[in-house]
């Protein structure tokens, strides 16, 4: 109710198979989405690149994808290094608020 009253949205990180967040948000009419890929669960550059590529594949398949990462210098640097690859793949990076529904 607070999210709806505040004009906010909900992203379920999907850390538990028993999460009730998406259902609760939808029942209250709150725009919601779920995590498609954790980007930096393993904090090594190559693992983060692989996670970005998995999120890119999901976005291509589904038309959109939410990916969750930390504001960690390694994650941010890897994203900066991959921007041209992401753009060449025809994927547009947007705020989560633009794709929840």
Protein backbone atom coordinates (compact mmCIF):
# COMPACT_ATOMS: atom_id res chain seq x y z
CA UNK A 1 0.00 0.00 0.00
CA UNK A 2 2.86 2.39 0.82
CA UNK A 3 4.51 1.71 -2.56
CA UNK A 4 1.26 2.41 -4.41
CA UNK A 5 0.51 5.56 -2.43
CA UNK A 6 4.05 6.81 -3.10
CA UNK A 7 3.98 6.03 -6.83
CA UNK A 8 6.81 3.53 -6.48
CA UNK A 9 7.39 0.08 -7.94
CA UNK A 10 8.69 -3.26 -6.68
CA UNK A 11 11.51 -5.47 -7.98
CA UNK A 12 11.68 -8.96 -6.48
CA UNK A 13 15.29 -10.07 -6.25
CA UNK A 14 14.17 -13.72 -6.36
CA UNK A 15 16.50 -14.74 -3.54
CA UNK A 16 13.85 -17.10 -2.17
CA UNK A 17 11.53 -19.51 -3.94
CA UNK A 18 8.97 -18.57 -1.28
CA UNK A 19 8.94 -14.84 -2.02
CA UNK A 20 5.47 -13.34 -1.84
CA UNK A 21 6.51 -9.88 -3.02
CA UNK A 22 5.41 -10.10 -6.66
CA UNK A 23 1.98 -11.45 -5.75
CA UNK A 24 1.48 -8.82 -3.06
CA UNK A 25 2.56 -6.01 -5.38
CA UNK A 26 0.30 -7.16 -8.19
CA UNK A 27 -2.64 -7.61 -5.81
CA UNK A 28 -2.23 -3.97 -4.74
CA UNK A 29 -1.78 -2.69 -8.30
CA UNK A 30 1.88 -1.79 -7.81
CA UNK A 31 4.06 -2.02 -10.94
CA UNK A 32 6.41 -4.93 -10.36
CA UNK A 33 9.18 -6.94 -11.95
CA UNK A 34 11.57 -9.66 -11.00
CA UNK A 35 15.29 -10.14 -11.19
CA UNK A 36 16.39 -12.02 -14.27
CA UNK A 37 20.07 -12.20 -13.40
CA UNK A 38 22.40 -11.24 -10.56
CA UNK A 39 25.34 -9.55 -12.23
CA UNK A 40 27.99 -9.76 -9.56
CA UNK A 41 27.22 -12.74 -7.34
CA UNK A 42 30.82 -13.75 -8.07
CA UNK A 43 32.96 -10.63 -7.96
CA UNK A 44 35.40 -11.42 -10.72
CA UNK A 45 35.47 -9.51 -13.99
CA UNK A 46 34.95 -12.53 -16.24
CA UNK A 47 32.05 -13.80 -14.13
CA UNK A 48 30.42 -10.38 -14.23
CA UNK A 49 30.87 -10.26 -18.03
CA UNK A 50 29.26 -13.69 -18.34
CA UNK A 51 26.36 -12.50 -16.17
CA UNK A 52 25.88 -9.40 -18.32
CA UNK A 53 25.84 -11.61 -21.41
CA UNK A 54 23.28 -13.92 -19.80
CA UNK A 55 21.11 -10.90 -19.00
CA UNK A 56 21.54 -9.71 -22.58
CA UNK A 57 20.40 -13.11 -23.89
CA UNK A 58 17.36 -12.97 -21.62
CA UNK A 59 16.52 -9.47 -22.84
CA UNK A 60 16.77 -10.64 -26.45
CA UNK A 61 14.54 -13.64 -25.73
CA UNK A 62 11.94 -11.89 -23.56
CA UNK A 63 12.12 -8.37 -24.99
CA UNK A 64 13.29 -7.01 -21.63
CA UNK A 65 15.18 -8.13 -18.54
CA UNK A 66 15.89 -6.86 -15.06
CA UNK A 67 19.42 -7.47 -13.83
CA UNK A 68 20.61 -6.66 -10.32
CA UNK A 69 24.14 -5.63 -9.42
CA UNK A 70 25.89 -3.72 -6.68
CA UNK A 71 27.34 -0.20 -7.01
CA UNK A 72 30.73 -1.85 -6.68
CA UNK A 73 33.72 -0.40 -8.58
CA UNK A 74 34.37 -3.74 -10.33
CA UNK A 75 30.75 -4.09 -11.47
CA UNK A 76 30.63 -0.48 -12.65
CA UNK A 77 33.95 -0.77 -14.50
CA UNK A 78 32.80 -3.97 -16.18
CA UNK A 79 29.57 -2.27 -17.26
CA UNK A 80 31.56 0.65 -18.70
CA UNK A 81 33.75 -1.77 -20.63
CA UNK A 82 30.70 -3.60 -22.01
CA UNK A 83 28.53 -0.66 -23.07
CA UNK A 84 29.59 -0.87 -26.72
CA UNK A 85 28.99 -4.65 -26.80
CA UNK A 86 25.56 -4.14 -25.27
CA UNK A 87 24.67 -1.42 -27.76
CA UNK A 88 25.97 -3.47 -30.71
CA UNK A 89 23.64 -6.26 -29.60
CA UNK A 90 20.75 -3.83 -29.99
CA UNK A 91 20.03 -3.67 -26.29
CA UNK A 92 19.12 -0.40 -24.64
CA UNK A 93 19.99 0.11 -20.97
CA UNK A 94 17.11 1.72 -19.11
CA UNK A 95 15.96 2.33 -15.56
CA UNK A 96 14.00 -0.52 -14.00
CA UNK A 97 11.03 1.81 -13.67
CA UNK A 98 10.73 1.80 -17.46
CA UNK A 99 10.12 -1.94 -17.76
CA UNK A 100 8.12 -2.94 -14.69
CA UNK A 101 4.48 -3.62 -15.28
